[in-house]
Amino acid sequence: MSREILLIPGFTSPAWLLWPLKRYLRRRFPLVTTWDSRHLFEDPEHAAGRLAERLAEGRPKALVAHSFGDCISRAALMQTDLRHVLQFISICPVAAPVPVARLLRHCGLAVTAELRAMAEGLATANLQLPEALDHRVYWARHEWLIAKANNYPGPNA
C-alpha cells in the first residue's frame, strides 16, 4: 500500500494556498491530499480532534504542516495511534508564542481561539513528540512573524 502525503495548512490558509507544494510533491508521490481546516473560529483542540480522526483512517501518512498547522498537527499526533503516521515535517512551525498574537491579546483584540492559542498555551504544547516519530523541522531564513522555540528542533533538524 502506498503512503499518502497529507498537507496541513496554517492559520487562515485555505487548502488552495498549498497548491504549489502539492503540485511539486505529486511529481514523486502519487497521493498528495490537503486537510482543509475551517480556517477561523474553530477551537484548535476541536480541529486537532478532527485531524486525529483523519490520521487514523486508511493508509499510512506523512504529514507536512505549515505554521499554525504544526500546532494542530502536534495536538492531533498526541491523540492518535502513530502506526498510521510515517513522518511529520514542520515548515516554519508556530512553536513559541507569536509576537503579533501576543500584542493583539494584550490589546484585547485576540478575538479568535486560534489567535489566543498562538499567543499562549497551544503554541508551546506538545513540543516533545514521541521519539519513534520521524520529525523534521524547516525554518525560513528571514521569518519575522514567527518566533523560534529554543526547545524545538532547529534548521533542517
C-alpha atoms as a PDB file:
ATOM      1  CA  MET A   1       0.000   0.000   0.000  1.00  0.00           C
ATOM      2  CA  SER A   2       1.432   3.409  -0.944  1.00  0.00           C
ATOM      3  CA  ARG A   3       1.669   6.191   1.544  1.00  0.00           C
ATOM      4  CA  GLU A   4      -0.296   9.384   1.471  1.00  0.00           C
ATOM      5  CA  ILE A   5       1.237  12.823   1.905  1.00  0.00           C
ATOM      6  CA  LEU A   6      -1.203  14.921   3.938  1.00  0.00           C
ATOM      7  CA  LEU A   7      -0.668  18.693   3.818  1.00  0.00           C
ATOM      8  CA  ILE A   8      -1.856  20.720   6.820  1.00  0.00           C
ATOM      9  CA  PRO A   9      -2.296  24.466   6.125  1.00  0.00           C
ATOM     10  CA  GLY A  10      -1.656  27.230   8.644  1.00  0.00           C
ATOM     11  CA  PHE A  11      -3.916  29.815  10.258  1.00  0.00           C
ATOM     12  CA  THR A  12      -6.452  31.302   7.801  1.00  0.00           C
ATOM     13  CA  SER A  13      -4.761  29.435   4.957  1.00  0.00           C
ATOM     14  CA  PRO A  14      -7.174  27.795   2.555  1.00  0.00           C
ATOM     15  CA  ALA A  15      -6.123  24.495   1.072  1.00  0.00           C
ATOM     16  CA  TRP A  16      -5.539  26.033  -2.351  1.00  0.00           C
ATOM     17  CA  LEU A  17      -2.600  28.077  -0.999  1.00  0.00           C
ATOM     18  CA  LEU A  18      -0.651  24.827  -0.688  1.00  0.00           C
ATOM     19  CA  TRP A  19      -1.289  24.001  -4.343  1.00  0.00           C
ATOM     20  CA  PRO A  20       2.315  24.781  -5.496  1.00  0.00           C
ATOM     21  CA  LEU A  21       3.721  22.452  -2.836  1.00  0.00           C
ATOM     22  CA  LYS A  22       1.105  19.826  -3.632  1.00  0.00           C
ATOM     23  CA  ARG A  23       1.922  20.013  -7.334  1.00  0.00           C
ATOM     24  CA  TYR A  24       5.651  19.661  -6.617  1.00  0.00           C
ATOM     25  CA  LEU A  25       5.159  16.671  -4.298  1.00  0.00           C
ATOM     26  CA  ARG A  26       2.904  14.900  -6.801  1.00  0.00           C
ATOM     27  CA  ARG A  27       5.911  14.526  -9.108  1.00  0.00           C
ATOM     28  CA  ARG A  28       7.291  11.971  -6.664  1.00  0.00           C
ATOM     29  CA  PHE A  29       4.326  10.774  -4.609  1.00  0.00           C
ATOM     30  CA  PRO A  30       1.110   9.657  -6.299  1.00  0.00           C
ATOM     31  CA  LEU A  31      -1.223  10.514  -3.406  1.00  0.00           C
ATOM     32  CA  VAL A  32      -0.961  14.043  -2.006  1.00  0.00           C
ATOM     33  CA  THR A  33      -4.013  15.491  -0.285  1.00  0.00           C
ATOM     34  CA  THR A  34      -4.739  18.590   1.741  1.00  0.00           C
ATOM     35  CA  TRP A  35      -6.593  18.553   5.028  1.00  0.00           C
ATOM     36  CA  ASP A  36      -8.802  21.588   4.878  1.00  0.00           C
ATOM     37  CA  SER A  37      -9.386  23.188   8.250  1.00  0.00           C
ATOM     38  CA  ARG A  38     -12.290  25.511   8.863  1.00  0.00           C
ATOM     39  CA  HIS A  39      -9.825  28.449   8.914  1.00  0.00           C
ATOM     40  CA  LEU A  40     -11.411  30.695  11.542  1.00  0.00           C
ATOM     41  CA  PHE A  41     -13.363  30.444  14.754  1.00  0.00           C
ATOM     42  CA  GLU A  42     -12.748  26.736  15.259  1.00  0.00           C
ATOM     43  CA  ASP A  43     -11.414  25.734  18.634  1.00  0.00           C
ATOM     44  CA  PRO A  44      -7.881  24.412  17.985  1.00  0.00           C
ATOM     45  CA  GLU A  45      -8.493  21.377  20.214  1.00  0.00           C
ATOM     46  CA  HIS A  46     -11.584  20.513  18.158  1.00  0.00           C
ATOM     47  CA  ALA A  47      -9.585  20.895  14.946  1.00  0.00           C
ATOM     48  CA  ALA A  48      -6.901  18.616  16.405  1.00  0.00           C
ATOM     49  CA  GLY A  49      -9.561  16.028  17.218  1.00  0.00           C
ATOM     50  CA  ARG A  50     -10.847  16.139  13.644  1.00  0.00           C
ATOM     51  CA  LEU A  51      -7.312  15.751  12.314  1.00  0.00           C
ATOM     52  CA  ALA A  52      -6.625  12.847  14.703  1.00  0.00           C
ATOM     53  CA  GLU A  53      -9.693  11.076  13.266  1.00  0.00           C
ATOM     54  CA  ARG A  54      -8.356  11.691   9.749  1.00  0.00           C
ATOM     55  CA  LEU A  55      -4.935  10.321  10.707  1.00  0.00           C
ATOM     56  CA  ALA A  56      -6.498   7.087  11.939  1.00  0.00           C
ATOM     57  CA  GLU A  57      -8.179   6.461   8.577  1.00  0.00           C
ATOM     58  CA  GLY A  58      -6.817   4.191   5.871  1.00  0.00           C
ATOM     59  CA  ARG A  59      -3.293   4.149   4.537  1.00  0.00           C
ATOM     60  CA  PRO A  60      -0.057   5.277   6.213  1.00  0.00           C
ATOM     61  CA  LYS A  61       0.591   9.004   6.010  1.00  0.00           C
ATOM     62  CA  ALA A  62       3.382  11.521   6.065  1.00  0.00           C
ATOM     63  CA  LEU A  63       2.277  14.904   7.428  1.00  0.00           C
ATOM     64  CA  VAL A  64       3.585  18.193   6.094  1.00  0.00           C
ATOM     65  CA  ALA A  65       2.362  21.040   8.296  1.00  0.00           C
ATOM     66  CA  HIS A  66       2.829  24.750   7.771  1.00  0.00           C
ATOM     67  CA  SER A  67       2.842  27.397  10.501  1.00  0.00           C
ATOM     68  CA  PHE A  68      -0.184  27.045  12.831  1.00  0.00           C
ATOM     69  CA  GLY A  69      -0.963  23.739  11.119  1.00  0.00           C
ATOM     70  CA  ASP A  70       2.027  22.436  13.094  1.00  0.00           C
ATOM     71  CA  CYS A  71       0.271  23.225  16.413  1.00  0.00           C
ATOM     72  CA  ILE A  72      -2.873  21.437  15.273  1.00  0.00           C
ATOM     73  CA  SER A  73      -0.812  18.501  13.995  1.00  0.00           C
ATOM     74  CA  ARG A  74       1.175  18.132  17.219  1.00  0.00           C
ATOM     75  CA  ALA A  75      -2.050  18.092  19.257  1.00  0.00           C
ATOM     76  CA  ALA A  76      -3.575  15.546  16.850  1.00  0.00           C
ATOM     77  CA  LEU A  77      -0.484  13.325  16.988  1.00  0.00           C
ATOM     78  CA  MET A  78      -0.766  13.153  20.767  1.00  0.00           C
ATOM     79  CA  GLN A  79      -4.354  11.860  20.375  1.00  0.00           C
ATOM     80  CA  THR A  80      -3.754   9.164  17.789  1.00  0.00           C
ATOM     81  CA  ASP A  81      -2.039   5.865  17.329  1.00  0.00           C
ATOM     82  CA  LEU A  82       1.167   6.616  15.453  1.00  0.00           C
ATOM     83  CA  ARG A  83       1.001   3.392  13.424  1.00  0.00           C
ATOM     84  CA  HIS A  84      -0.580   5.381  10.592  1.00  0.00           C
ATOM     85  CA  VAL A  85       1.948   8.245  10.689  1.00  0.00           C
ATOM     86  CA  LEU A  86       5.265   7.596   8.965  1.00  0.00           C
ATOM     87  CA  GLN A  87       6.798  11.048   9.111  1.00  0.00           C
ATOM     88  CA  PHE A  88       5.987  14.568  10.313  1.00  0.00           C
ATOM     89  CA  ILE A  89       7.518  17.580   8.567  1.00  0.00           C
ATOM     90  CA  SER A  90       7.054  21.056  10.031  1.00  0.00           C
ATOM     91  CA  ILE A  91       7.589  24.123   7.852  1.00  0.00           C
ATOM     92  CA  CYS A  92       8.003  27.402   9.785  1.00  0.00           C
ATOM     93  CA  PRO A  93       6.081  26.000  12.750  1.00  0.00           C
ATOM     94  CA  VAL A  94       4.328  28.023  15.416  1.00  0.00           C
ATOM     95  CA  ALA A  95       6.307  26.521  18.293  1.00  0.00           C
ATOM     96  CA  ALA A  96       6.532  29.596  20.514  1.00  0.00           C
ATOM     97  CA  PRO A  97       4.088  32.397  21.264  1.00  0.00           C
ATOM     98  CA  VAL A  98       3.656  34.549  18.152  1.00  0.00           C
ATOM     99  CA  PRO A  99       4.644  38.180  18.838  1.00  0.00           C
ATOM    100  CA  VAL A 100       1.778  39.673  16.809  1.00  0.00           C
ATOM    101  CA  ALA A 101      -0.772  37.395  18.508  1.00  0.00           C
ATOM    102  CA  ARG A 102       0.615  38.344  21.938  1.00  0.00           C
ATOM    103  CA  LEU A 103       0.294  42.025  21.062  1.00  0.00           C
ATOM    104  CA  LEU A 104      -3.302  41.521  19.908  1.00  0.00           C
ATOM    105  CA  ARG A 105      -4.085  39.648  23.129  1.00  0.00           C
ATOM    106  CA  HIS A 106      -2.697  42.470  25.265  1.00  0.00           C
ATOM    107  CA  CYS A 107      -4.794  44.974  23.294  1.00  0.00           C
ATOM    108  CA  GLY A 108      -7.908  42.829  23.724  1.00  0.00           C
ATOM    109  CA  LEU A 109      -8.014  42.020  20.010  1.00  0.00           C
ATOM    110  CA  ALA A 110      -7.230  38.302  20.082  1.00  0.00           C
ATOM    111  CA  VAL A 111     -10.852  37.521  19.326  1.00  0.00           C
ATOM    112  CA  THR A 112     -10.471  34.032  17.896  1.00  0.00           C
ATOM    113  CA  ALA A 113      -9.477  30.853  19.676  1.00  0.00           C
ATOM    114  CA  GLU A 114      -6.673  30.447  17.155  1.00  0.00           C
ATOM    115  CA  LEU A 115      -5.121  33.833  17.977  1.00  0.00           C
ATOM    116  CA  ARG A 116      -5.391  33.160  21.703  1.00  0.00           C
ATOM    117  CA  ALA A 117      -3.705  29.770  21.183  1.00  0.00           C
ATOM    118  CA  MET A 118      -0.872  31.380  19.205  1.00  0.00           C
ATOM    119  CA  ALA A 119      -0.414  33.965  21.953  1.00  0.00           C
ATOM    120  CA  GLU A 120      -0.072  31.429  24.736  1.00  0.00           C
ATOM    121  CA  GLY A 121      -0.620  27.730  25.540  1.00  0.00           C
ATOM    122  CA  LEU A 122      -1.106  25.739  22.356  1.00  0.00           C
ATOM    123  CA  ALA A 123       1.883  27.321  20.628  1.00  0.00           C
ATOM    124  CA  THR A 124       4.229  25.625  23.078  1.00  0.00           C
ATOM    125  CA  ALA A 125       2.218  22.457  23.773  1.00  0.00           C
ATOM    126  CA  ASN A 126       3.411  19.024  22.681  1.00  0.00           C
ATOM    127  CA  LEU A 127       6.837  20.181  21.516  1.00  0.00           C
ATOM    128  CA  GLN A 128       8.332  16.876  22.648  1.00  0.00           C
ATOM    129  CA  LEU A 129       6.838  14.339  20.274  1.00  0.00           C
ATOM    130  CA  PRO A 130       7.397  10.584  20.674  1.00  0.00           C
ATOM    131  CA  GLU A 131      10.922   9.587  19.661  1.00  0.00           C
ATOM    132  CA  ALA A 132       9.584   6.884  17.378  1.00  0.00           C
ATOM    133  CA  LEU A 133       8.147   9.582  15.112  1.00  0.00           C
ATOM    134  CA  ASP A 134      10.420  10.775  12.293  1.00  0.00           C
ATOM    135  CA  HIS A 135      10.042  14.545  12.733  1.00  0.00           C
ATOM    136  CA  ARG A 136      11.858  17.199  10.718  1.00  0.00           C
ATOM    137  CA  VAL A 137      11.585  20.968  11.065  1.00  0.00           C
ATOM    138  CA  TYR A 138      12.394  23.565   8.409  1.00  0.00           C
ATOM    139  CA  TRP A 139      12.585  27.259   9.274  1.00  0.00           C
ATOM    140  CA  ALA A 140      12.550  30.210   6.878  1.00  0.00           C
ATOM    141  CA  ARG A 141      15.711  32.297   6.931  1.00  0.00           C
ATOM    142  CA  HIS A 142      14.014  35.669   7.316  1.00  0.00           C
ATOM    143  CA  GLU A 143      10.859  34.827   9.213  1.00  0.00           C
ATOM    144  CA  TRP A 144       9.825  37.766  11.392  1.00  0.00           C
ATOM    145  CA  LEU A 145       6.230  36.835  12.220  1.00  0.00           C
ATOM    146  CA  ILE A 146       7.064  33.533  13.913  1.00  0.00           C
ATOM    147  CA  ALA A 147       9.336  33.236  16.939  1.00  0.00           C
ATOM    148  CA  LYS A 148      11.613  30.196  17.041  1.00  0.00           C
ATOM    149  CA  ALA A 149      11.390  27.960  20.083  1.00  0.00           C
ATOM    150  CA  ASN A 150      14.638  27.045  21.803  1.00  0.00           C
ATOM    151  CA  ASN A 151      13.397  23.538  22.640  1.00  0.00           C
ATOM    152  CA  TYR A 152      12.060  22.722  19.169  1.00  0.00           C
ATOM    153  CA  PRO A 153      14.393  21.286  16.523  1.00  0.00           C
ATOM    154  CA  GLY A 154      16.485  23.812  14.648  1.00  0.00           C
ATOM    155  CA  PRO A 155      17.044  24.353  10.930  1.00  0.00           C
ATOM    156  CA  ASN A 156      16.653  21.180   8.893  1.00  0.00           C
ATOM    157  CA  ALA A 157      16.647  19.044  12.029  1.00  0.00           C
END
